[in-house]
Amino acid sequence: MKNDRPNTAKKALDVNLDPRRYGSFAEIGAGQEVVRWFFRTGGAAGTIAKSISAYDMKVSDSIYGKSDRYVGRRRLEDMLR
């Protein structure tokens, strides 16, 4: 039986090649691994607008402003603004 289910690389490439996707999502928590897949599969210039790896709250606070939680709705909304 053939498995037609797309793997992670296929999904990332599909996103990279879709012109509607540029700058349309943000990921916090596992962002470094997620963005690695976009770069690894090719075509990332059409998808990746910005990738930042901020491991401590001070770095994140300096970019997005103070927040009581490192990963949460408020931080995500600050990132999107």
C-alpha atoms as a PDB file:
ATOM      1  CA  MET A   1       0.000   0.000   0.000  1.00  0.00           C
ATOM      2  CA  LYS A   2       1.437   3.375  -1.048  1.00  0.00           C
ATOM      3  CA  ASN A   3       1.634   6.127   1.580  1.00  0.00           C
ATOM      4  CA  ASP A   4       0.442   9.382  -0.065  1.00  0.00           C
ATOM      5  CA  ARG A   5       0.720  11.342   3.159  1.00  0.00           C
ATOM      6  CA  PRO A   6       3.164  14.251   2.720  1.00  0.00           C
ATOM      7  CA  ASN A   7       6.226  14.328   4.935  1.00  0.00           C
ATOM      8  CA  THR A   8       7.647  17.385   6.712  1.00  0.00           C
ATOM      9  CA  ALA A   9       9.926  18.321   3.805  1.00  0.00           C
ATOM     10  CA  LYS A  10       7.047  18.198   1.297  1.00  0.00           C
ATOM     11  CA  LYS A  11       4.845  20.325   3.554  1.00  0.00           C
ATOM     12  CA  ALA A  12       7.604  22.929   4.035  1.00  0.00           C
ATOM     13  CA  LEU A  13       8.314  23.068   0.303  1.00  0.00           C
ATOM     14  CA  ASP A  14       4.609  23.495  -0.473  1.00  0.00           C
ATOM     15  CA  VAL A  15       4.489  26.465   1.922  1.00  0.00           C
ATOM     16  CA  ASN A  16       7.706  27.913   0.443  1.00  0.00           C
ATOM     17  CA  LEU A  17       6.319  27.775  -3.097  1.00  0.00           C
ATOM     18  CA  ASP A  18       2.909  29.238  -2.243  1.00  0.00           C
ATOM     19  CA  PRO A  19       3.024  32.995  -3.031  1.00  0.00           C
ATOM     20  CA  ARG A  20       0.203  33.710  -0.554  1.00  0.00           C
ATOM     21  CA  ARG A  21       2.333  32.631   2.419  1.00  0.00           C
ATOM     22  CA  TYR A  22       5.088  35.268   2.614  1.00  0.00           C
ATOM     23  CA  GLY A  23       5.235  36.708   6.126  1.00  0.00           C
ATOM     24  CA  SER A  24       1.842  35.295   7.051  1.00  0.00           C
ATOM     25  CA  PHE A  25       2.672  33.266  10.158  1.00  0.00           C
ATOM     26  CA  ALA A  26       4.744  33.381  13.313  1.00  0.00           C
ATOM     27  CA  GLU A  27       5.974  30.513  15.459  1.00  0.00           C
ATOM     28  CA  ILE A  28       7.228  30.758  19.000  1.00  0.00           C
ATOM     29  CA  GLY A  29       8.435  27.834  21.049  1.00  0.00           C
ATOM     30  CA  ALA A  30       9.938  25.589  18.343  1.00  0.00           C
ATOM     31  CA  GLY A  31      10.666  28.293  15.776  1.00  0.00           C
ATOM     32  CA  GLN A  32      14.283  27.350  15.202  1.00  0.00           C
ATOM     33  CA  GLU A  33      13.347  23.809  14.147  1.00  0.00           C
ATOM     34  CA  VAL A  34      10.419  25.015  12.053  1.00  0.00           C
ATOM     35  CA  VAL A  35      12.474  27.572  10.126  1.00  0.00           C
ATOM     36  CA  ARG A  36      15.217  24.970   9.590  1.00  0.00           C
ATOM     37  CA  TRP A  37      12.759  22.910   7.536  1.00  0.00           C
ATOM     38  CA  PHE A  38      11.877  25.895   5.352  1.00  0.00           C
ATOM     39  CA  PHE A  39      15.561  26.587   4.613  1.00  0.00           C
ATOM     40  CA  ARG A  40      16.391  22.916   4.143  1.00  0.00           C
ATOM     41  CA  THR A  41      13.730  22.226   1.495  1.00  0.00           C
ATOM     42  CA  GLY A  42      14.506  25.198  -0.752  1.00  0.00           C
ATOM     43  CA  GLY A  43      12.568  28.227  -1.903  1.00  0.00           C
ATOM     44  CA  ALA A  44      12.729  29.879   1.533  1.00  0.00           C
ATOM     45  CA  ALA A  45      13.394  33.311   0.026  1.00  0.00           C
ATOM     46  CA  GLY A  46       9.717  33.305  -0.894  1.00  0.00           C
ATOM     47  CA  THR A  47       8.617  32.462   2.647  1.00  0.00           C
ATOM     48  CA  ILE A  48      11.032  33.607   5.348  1.00  0.00           C
ATOM     49  CA  ALA A  49      10.742  37.298   6.165  1.00  0.00           C
ATOM     50  CA  LYS A  50      12.506  37.132   9.518  1.00  0.00           C
ATOM     51  CA  SER A  51      13.875  34.433  11.751  1.00  0.00           C
ATOM     52  CA  ILE A  52      15.102  35.176  15.251  1.00  0.00           C
ATOM     53  CA  SER A  53      16.281  32.789  17.905  1.00  0.00           C
ATOM     54  CA  ALA A  54      15.925  34.529  21.259  1.00  0.00           C
ATOM     55  CA  TYR A  55      16.645  32.065  24.031  1.00  0.00           C
ATOM     56  CA  ASP A  56      16.302  34.383  26.976  1.00  0.00           C
ATOM     57  CA  MET A  57      13.627  36.798  28.101  1.00  0.00           C
ATOM     58  CA  LYS A  58      15.998  39.809  28.008  1.00  0.00           C
ATOM     59  CA  VAL A  59      16.644  39.407  24.278  1.00  0.00           C
ATOM     60  CA  SER A  60      12.987  38.786  23.553  1.00  0.00           C
ATOM     61  CA  ASP A  61      11.937  41.747  25.741  1.00  0.00           C
ATOM     62  CA  SER A  62      14.361  44.044  23.923  1.00  0.00           C
ATOM     63  CA  ILE A  63      12.810  43.116  20.574  1.00  0.00           C
ATOM     64  CA  TYR A  64       9.100  42.854  21.443  1.00  0.00           C
ATOM     65  CA  GLY A  65       8.765  44.695  24.753  1.00  0.00           C
ATOM     66  CA  LYS A  66       8.170  43.434  28.285  1.00  0.00           C
ATOM     67  CA  SER A  67       5.859  40.507  28.841  1.00  0.00           C
ATOM     68  CA  ASP A  68       4.990  38.405  31.865  1.00  0.00           C
ATOM     69  CA  ARG A  69       5.300  35.164  29.865  1.00  0.00           C
ATOM     70  CA  TYR A  70       7.891  34.111  27.334  1.00  0.00           C
ATOM     71  CA  VAL A  71       5.448  32.067  25.236  1.00  0.00           C
ATOM     72  CA  GLY A  72       1.830  33.137  25.232  1.00  0.00           C
ATOM     73  CA  ARG A  73      -0.919  35.016  23.427  1.00  0.00           C
ATOM     74  CA  ARG A  74       0.314  38.457  24.468  1.00  0.00           C
ATOM     75  CA  ARG A  75       3.873  37.752  23.267  1.00  0.00           C
ATOM     76  CA  LEU A  76       2.579  36.421  19.939  1.00  0.00           C
ATOM     77  CA  GLU A  77       0.350  39.474  19.463  1.00  0.00           C
ATOM     78  CA  ASP A  78       3.334  41.741  20.254  1.00  0.00           C
ATOM     79  CA  MET A  79       5.400  39.870  17.662  1.00  0.00           C
ATOM     80  CA  LEU A  80       2.714  40.244  15.013  1.00  0.00           C
ATOM     81  CA  ARG A  81       2.386  43.993  15.657  1.00  0.00           C
END
